[in-house]
Amino acid sequence: MPPLHKIQQSILGKRGAAQDEVRRGYLRRLARHTKRDTILYATAFTNVKNPDIPALALSVTLEDMQGFMASLHGMKGTALDLILHSPGGSMEAADQIVQYLRSKYDHIRAIVPQNAMSAATMIACACDSIVLAKHSALGPIDPQVTFPTPAGLFTAPAQAILDEFETAKKEIAANPASAPLWLMKIQGYPHGFLTLCQTTLDLAKDKVAGWLDTYMFAQTQAPKPGRAIADWLGDAKEHKTHGRPISADLAASKGLKIQNLEDDQTLQDLVLSVFHASIVTFQVTNCVKMIEGHHGRGLYTQVSVQAVRVPVQTQ
């Protein structure tokens, strides 16, 4: 029997525990240094915590909108620093978050202290620039799709499913005797699955291309590079794995506007202090996700995992 999960969310703006006060103090110092509104979006996906924590609790979801609304309450600036540490998640949730943030701010800078992958990379591409350290990484944006199999749910890149279908057509054309084998495999896909793979892949690239051209390359004369960058980020054949780390140098070589965190020692110290304080919070509490503004308000997700004991019957 699987363990039981208890997920709690709270919106806080009052004095917290010691680790909360330390983290919020660093956030305030960072905002004073940059003179920009500042939001920390971080999850415990790189922490060594209970492996039974559901992936959804660590992912970008529509519930995160509540955290951004709470974090932005009372902020009146026109420029935002968004500190991102996330494995990604829902593309639709990322889209709504981007729409909300871009409606509030004229200039947004994404700061990645370690990893902003998948849908978090998409959010970073909707910013005016991206700050990466030498150890930081973005990730590919090729969407993953989950479908049922006799062995349970299986997740694969949408592009891999499409490529496999093209392989099936070629092999059947070359050797009709292989058709029954391929038919058995393809029949396992849900109705409309291949169309879903294609439209999801197209949407991810279209969104990122549009955001890049609208925000990061707003002052760039046509032809703008957004489409080429988005196609590269979404190319599963190029990246081989959805978790491939894309470094600052590689991202910059493909045309993204990258600022090196090490270029500003004070900024680096403050950003990493905020990040390390958030990691400490994940380590010493049940918190697995936080969306927190520099004024100390935000949404905090806690997960407790309870083991279920199954009585052993003896005869």
Protein backbone atom coordinates (compact mmCIF):
# COMPACT_ATOMS: atom_id res chain seq x y z
CA MET A 1 0.00 0.00 0.00
CA PRO A 2 1.48 3.40 -0.94
CA PRO A 3 2.21 5.97 1.78
CA LEU A 4 -0.32 8.64 2.64
CA HIS A 5 0.44 12.25 1.72
CA LYS A 6 -0.86 15.25 3.58
CA ILE A 7 -0.38 18.49 1.62
CA GLN A 8 -0.91 21.82 3.34
CA GLN A 9 -0.62 25.32 1.91
CA SER A 10 -0.46 28.53 3.87
CA ILE A 11 -0.15 32.21 3.05
CA LEU A 12 2.05 33.91 5.62
CA GLY A 13 3.07 37.47 6.22
CA LYS A 14 3.90 37.44 9.90
CA ARG A 15 7.00 36.60 11.88
CA GLY A 16 8.11 33.02 11.27
CA ALA A 17 10.70 30.58 12.52
CA ALA A 18 14.41 31.38 12.60
CA GLN A 19 15.10 30.00 9.13
CA ASP A 20 12.22 32.09 7.74
CA GLU A 21 13.56 35.28 9.27
CA VAL A 22 17.05 34.62 7.89
CA ARG A 23 15.73 33.92 4.38
CA ARG A 24 13.44 36.93 4.37
CA GLY A 25 16.24 39.13 5.63
CA TYR A 26 18.39 38.15 2.66
CA LEU A 27 15.46 38.76 0.30
CA ARG A 28 15.01 42.26 1.69
CA ARG A 29 18.72 42.99 1.35
CA LEU A 30 18.68 41.75 -2.25
CA ALA A 31 15.73 43.99 -3.13
CA ARG A 32 17.42 46.98 -1.51
CA HIS A 33 20.59 46.28 -3.52
CA THR A 34 18.83 45.96 -6.88
CA LYS A 35 16.03 48.47 -6.15
CA ARG A 36 13.69 46.00 -7.82
CA ASP A 37 10.75 43.96 -6.55
CA THR A 38 11.98 40.44 -5.81
CA ILE A 39 10.19 37.08 -5.74
CA LEU A 40 11.67 33.72 -4.82
CA TYR A 41 10.10 30.68 -6.50
CA ALA A 42 11.84 27.56 -5.23
CA THR A 43 11.04 23.90 -4.70
CA ALA A 44 12.81 21.07 -2.90
CA PHE A 45 13.34 18.99 -6.05
CA THR A 46 17.14 18.90 -5.63
CA ASN A 47 17.03 18.21 -1.89
CA VAL A 48 17.52 14.79 -0.39
CA LYS A 49 14.07 14.47 1.13
CA ASN A 50 11.57 11.67 1.41
CA PRO A 51 11.39 10.03 -2.05
CA ASP A 52 7.67 9.48 -1.57
CA ILE A 53 6.89 13.20 -1.96
CA PRO A 54 4.55 13.44 -4.98
CA ALA A 55 6.13 15.09 -8.01
CA LEU A 56 3.09 17.35 -8.40
CA ALA A 57 3.92 19.07 -5.11
CA LEU A 58 7.29 20.10 -6.55
CA SER A 59 6.05 21.16 -9.98
CA VAL A 60 4.77 24.33 -11.62
CA THR A 61 0.99 24.15 -11.23
CA LEU A 62 -2.01 26.46 -11.50
CA GLU A 63 -2.09 26.63 -7.70
CA ASP A 64 1.13 28.64 -7.91
CA MET A 65 -0.94 31.58 -9.13
CA GLN A 66 -2.13 32.03 -5.55
CA GLY A 67 1.48 32.28 -4.44
CA PHE A 68 2.34 34.93 -7.02
CA MET A 69 -0.77 36.91 -6.14
CA ALA A 70 0.14 36.80 -2.44
CA SER A 71 3.77 37.67 -3.16
CA LEU A 72 2.90 40.65 -5.34
CA HIS A 73 0.36 42.08 -2.92
CA GLY A 74 1.57 45.52 -1.92
CA MET A 75 4.42 45.66 -4.41
CA LYS A 76 4.30 48.74 -6.62
CA GLY A 77 7.53 48.58 -8.63
CA THR A 78 7.82 48.32 -12.40
CA ALA A 79 10.82 45.96 -12.44
CA LEU A 80 10.99 42.43 -11.02
CA ASP A 81 13.75 39.98 -10.19
CA LEU A 82 12.34 36.43 -10.29
CA ILE A 83 14.58 33.85 -8.60
CA LEU A 84 13.75 30.47 -10.14
CA HIS A 85 14.65 27.00 -8.85
CA SER A 86 12.21 24.47 -10.27
CA PRO A 87 12.06 21.20 -12.25
CA GLY A 88 9.22 22.60 -14.37
CA GLY A 89 5.70 21.30 -14.65
CA SER A 90 2.54 22.42 -16.39
CA MET A 91 3.02 24.43 -19.58
CA GLU A 92 -0.46 25.89 -19.15
CA ALA A 93 0.37 27.02 -15.61
CA ALA A 94 3.60 28.60 -16.84
CA ASP A 95 1.62 30.44 -19.52
CA GLN A 96 -0.80 31.89 -16.98
CA ILE A 97 2.02 32.89 -14.61
CA VAL A 98 3.81 34.67 -17.46
CA GLN A 99 0.67 36.52 -18.49
CA TYR A 100 0.13 37.69 -14.91
CA LEU A 101 3.71 38.81 -14.28
CA ARG A 102 4.03 40.58 -17.64
CA SER A 103 0.80 42.45 -16.94
CA LYS A 104 2.37 43.81 -13.74
CA TYR A 105 5.97 44.57 -14.74
CA ASP A 106 7.69 46.41 -17.57
CA HIS A 107 11.00 44.62 -17.00
CA ILE A 108 11.57 41.14 -15.55
CA ARG A 109 14.92 39.49 -14.92
CA ALA A 110 15.06 35.75 -14.25
CA ILE A 111 17.79 34.69 -11.82
CA VAL A 112 18.66 30.98 -11.74
CA PRO A 113 20.81 30.07 -8.72
CA GLN A 114 20.97 26.39 -9.75
CA ASN A 115 18.31 24.85 -12.02
CA ALA A 116 15.25 26.15 -13.88
CA MET A 117 14.14 23.30 -16.11
CA SER A 118 11.36 22.60 -18.61
CA ALA A 119 8.36 24.87 -17.86
CA ALA A 120 10.61 26.96 -15.58
CA THR A 121 12.90 27.51 -18.57
CA MET A 122 9.84 28.68 -20.49
CA ILE A 123 9.10 31.23 -17.76
CA ALA A 124 12.71 32.42 -17.89
CA CYS A 125 12.38 32.89 -21.66
CA ALA A 126 9.48 35.26 -21.03
CA CYS A 127 11.84 37.59 -19.14
CA ASP A 128 13.96 40.44 -20.49
CA SER A 129 17.18 38.71 -19.48
CA ILE A 130 18.38 35.64 -17.60
CA VAL A 131 21.07 35.61 -14.91
CA LEU A 132 23.00 32.34 -14.69
CA ALA A 133 25.97 31.31 -12.57
CA LYS A 134 28.73 29.08 -13.86
CA HIS A 135 27.06 26.16 -12.06
CA SER A 136 23.50 27.05 -13.10
CA ALA A 137 21.44 25.39 -15.82
CA LEU A 138 18.33 25.81 -17.90
CA GLY A 139 16.71 22.82 -19.61
CA PRO A 140 15.01 21.73 -22.82
CA ILE A 141 11.35 22.72 -23.26
CA ASP A 142 10.23 19.67 -25.28
CA PRO A 143 6.93 18.65 -23.66
CA GLN A 144 6.52 15.28 -21.99
CA VAL A 145 3.32 13.28 -22.33
CA THR A 146 1.98 10.60 -20.01
CA PHE A 147 -0.17 7.72 -21.20
CA PRO A 148 -1.42 4.42 -19.78
CA THR A 149 0.30 1.12 -20.50
CA PRO A 150 -0.32 -2.40 -19.18
CA ALA A 151 2.54 -1.79 -16.75
CA GLY A 152 1.12 1.54 -15.56
CA LEU A 153 1.52 5.18 -16.54
CA PHE A 154 4.48 5.96 -18.79
CA THR A 155 5.97 9.37 -19.60
CA ALA A 156 7.90 10.08 -22.79
CA PRO A 157 8.87 13.10 -24.91
CA ALA A 158 6.10 14.05 -27.33
CA GLN A 159 8.72 14.20 -30.08
CA ALA A 160 9.82 10.62 -29.37
CA ILE A 161 6.25 9.40 -29.86
CA LEU A 162 5.98 11.23 -33.18
CA ASP A 163 9.37 9.95 -34.31
CA GLU A 164 8.38 6.40 -33.47
CA PHE A 165 5.22 6.73 -35.55
CA GLU A 166 7.27 7.96 -38.52
CA THR A 167 9.61 4.99 -38.06
CA ALA A 168 6.61 2.66 -38.08
CA LYS A 169 5.36 4.09 -41.38
CA LYS A 170 8.75 3.68 -43.02
CA GLU A 171 9.28 0.13 -41.76
CA ILE A 172 5.80 -0.95 -42.79
CA ALA A 173 6.32 0.53 -46.26
CA ALA A 174 9.61 -1.33 -46.58
CA ASN A 175 8.40 -4.55 -44.97
CA PRO A 176 4.59 -5.01 -44.83
CA ALA A 177 5.07 -8.11 -42.66
CA SER A 178 6.08 -5.83 -39.79
CA ALA A 179 2.64 -4.14 -39.77
CA PRO A 180 1.01 -6.40 -37.12
CA LEU A 181 3.84 -5.72 -34.67
CA TRP A 182 3.61 -1.96 -35.12
CA LEU A 183 -0.20 -2.05 -35.05
CA MET A 184 -0.19 -3.71 -31.65
CA LYS A 185 2.07 -0.97 -30.31
CA ILE A 186 0.21 1.97 -31.83
CA GLN A 187 -3.17 0.62 -30.71
CA GLY A 188 -1.94 1.12 -27.15
CA TYR A 189 -2.00 4.89 -27.62
CA PRO A 190 -5.17 6.74 -26.56
CA HIS A 191 -7.43 8.12 -29.28
CA GLY A 192 -6.03 11.35 -30.72
CA PHE A 193 -2.73 10.86 -28.91
CA LEU A 194 -0.46 11.58 -31.87
CA THR A 195 -2.32 14.81 -32.64
CA LEU A 196 -2.02 15.79 -28.98
CA CYS A 197 1.75 15.20 -29.11
CA GLN A 198 2.14 17.40 -32.16
CA THR A 199 -0.05 20.26 -30.94
CA THR A 200 1.59 20.26 -27.51
CA LEU A 201 5.05 20.36 -29.07
CA ASP A 202 4.03 23.16 -31.44
CA LEU A 203 2.44 25.16 -28.61
CA ALA A 204 5.54 25.00 -26.41
CA LYS A 205 7.76 26.29 -29.21
CA ASP A 206 5.24 28.91 -30.34
CA LYS A 207 4.86 30.29 -26.81
CA VAL A 208 8.59 30.56 -26.18
CA ALA A 209 9.28 32.04 -29.61
CA GLY A 210 6.61 34.69 -29.07
CA TRP A 211 7.79 35.55 -25.56
CA LEU A 212 11.41 35.84 -26.64
CA ASP A 213 10.60 38.17 -29.53
CA THR A 214 8.15 40.25 -27.47
CA TYR A 215 10.27 40.72 -24.35
CA MET A 216 13.91 39.62 -24.53
CA PHE A 217 14.35 40.83 -28.12
CA ALA A 218 11.85 43.68 -28.08
CA GLN A 219 14.51 46.13 -29.31
CA THR A 220 15.95 43.76 -31.91
CA GLN A 221 15.22 44.47 -35.55
CA ALA A 222 13.61 41.78 -37.70
CA PRO A 223 14.31 39.01 -38.30
CA LYS A 224 14.16 38.26 -34.59
CA PRO A 225 15.81 35.11 -33.17
CA GLY A 226 12.96 33.84 -31.00
CA ARG A 227 11.82 31.10 -33.38
CA ALA A 228 15.29 29.65 -33.89
CA ILE A 229 15.99 29.62 -30.13
CA ALA A 230 12.61 28.06 -29.32
CA ASP A 231 13.07 25.36 -31.96
CA TRP A 232 16.48 24.55 -30.50
CA LEU A 233 15.19 24.43 -26.92
CA GLY A 234 12.34 22.15 -28.01
CA ASP A 235 14.44 19.79 -30.13
CA ALA A 236 14.40 16.44 -28.30
CA LYS A 237 16.75 14.93 -30.89
CA GLU A 238 19.32 17.63 -30.15
CA HIS A 239 19.18 17.37 -26.37
CA LYS A 240 18.68 13.58 -26.12
CA THR A 241 17.21 13.87 -22.61
CA HIS A 242 14.64 16.21 -21.07
CA GLY A 243 16.90 16.80 -18.08
CA ARG A 244 19.95 17.91 -20.07
CA PRO A 245 21.57 20.91 -18.30
CA ILE A 246 22.03 23.93 -20.57
CA SER A 247 24.86 26.09 -19.24
CA ALA A 248 25.20 29.85 -19.40
CA ASP A 249 27.79 29.63 -22.16
CA LEU A 250 25.68 27.28 -24.28
CA ALA A 251 22.53 29.37 -23.78
CA ALA A 252 24.39 32.54 -24.73
CA SER A 253 25.90 30.88 -27.80
CA LYS A 254 22.37 30.16 -29.05
CA GLY A 255 21.37 33.81 -28.69
CA LEU A 256 19.69 34.07 -25.28
CA LYS A 257 20.46 37.25 -23.33
CA ILE A 258 22.51 35.83 -20.48
CA GLN A 259 24.07 37.80 -17.64
CA ASN A 260 26.76 36.01 -15.62
CA LEU A 261 25.98 36.08 -11.92
CA GLU A 262 29.70 36.20 -11.12
CA ASP A 263 30.03 39.59 -12.86
CA ASP A 264 28.45 41.30 -9.83
CA GLN A 265 29.98 39.92 -6.62
CA THR A 266 27.47 41.63 -4.33
CA LEU A 267 24.52 40.36 -6.37
CA GLN A 268 26.02 36.87 -6.39
CA ASP A 269 26.48 36.82 -2.62
CA LEU A 270 22.93 38.02 -1.98
CA VAL A 271 21.27 35.69 -4.50
CA LEU A 272 23.15 32.64 -3.24
CA SER A 273 22.39 33.60 0.36
CA VAL A 274 18.67 33.67 -0.46
CA PHE A 275 18.95 30.37 -2.31
CA HIS A 276 20.95 28.59 0.40
CA ALA A 277 18.54 29.86 3.04
CA SER A 278 15.65 28.38 1.07
CA ILE A 279 17.48 25.05 0.85
CA VAL A 280 17.97 25.06 4.63
CA THR A 281 14.23 25.65 5.04
CA PHE A 282 13.49 22.61 2.87
CA GLN A 283 15.95 20.51 4.86
CA VAL A 284 14.65 21.33 8.34
CA THR A 285 10.91 21.58 7.67
CA ASN A 286 8.16 19.83 5.68
CA CYS A 287 8.10 22.74 3.24
CA VAL A 288 8.67 21.61 -0.37
CA LYS A 289 7.76 24.76 -2.30
CA MET A 290 7.76 28.47 -1.58
CA ILE A 291 6.72 31.52 -3.57
CA GLU A 292 7.83 34.49 -1.49
CA GLY A 293 8.20 38.21 -2.06
CA HIS A 294 10.85 40.44 -0.51
CA HIS A 295 8.24 41.78 1.92
CA GLY A 296 7.89 38.32 3.48
CA ARG A 297 4.51 37.32 2.06
CA GLY A 298 3.85 34.29 -0.08
CA LEU A 299 2.54 30.76 -0.42
CA TYR A 300 4.26 27.84 1.30
CA THR A 301 3.50 24.19 0.49
CA GLN A 302 4.23 21.54 3.10
CA VAL A 303 4.03 17.79 2.61
CA SER A 304 4.07 15.18 5.32
CA VAL A 305 4.41 11.53 4.37
CA GLN A 306 2.98 8.89 6.64
CA ALA A 307 3.95 5.27 6.19
CA VAL A 308 1.06 2.83 6.11
CA ARG A 309 1.67 -0.33 8.05
CA VAL A 310 0.07 -3.46 6.68
CA PRO A 311 -0.55 -6.06 9.37
CA VAL A 312 1.11 -9.39 8.71
CA GLN A 313 -1.15 -12.36 9.16
CA THR A 314 0.36 -15.58 10.37
CA GLN A 315 -1.16 -19.00 10.51
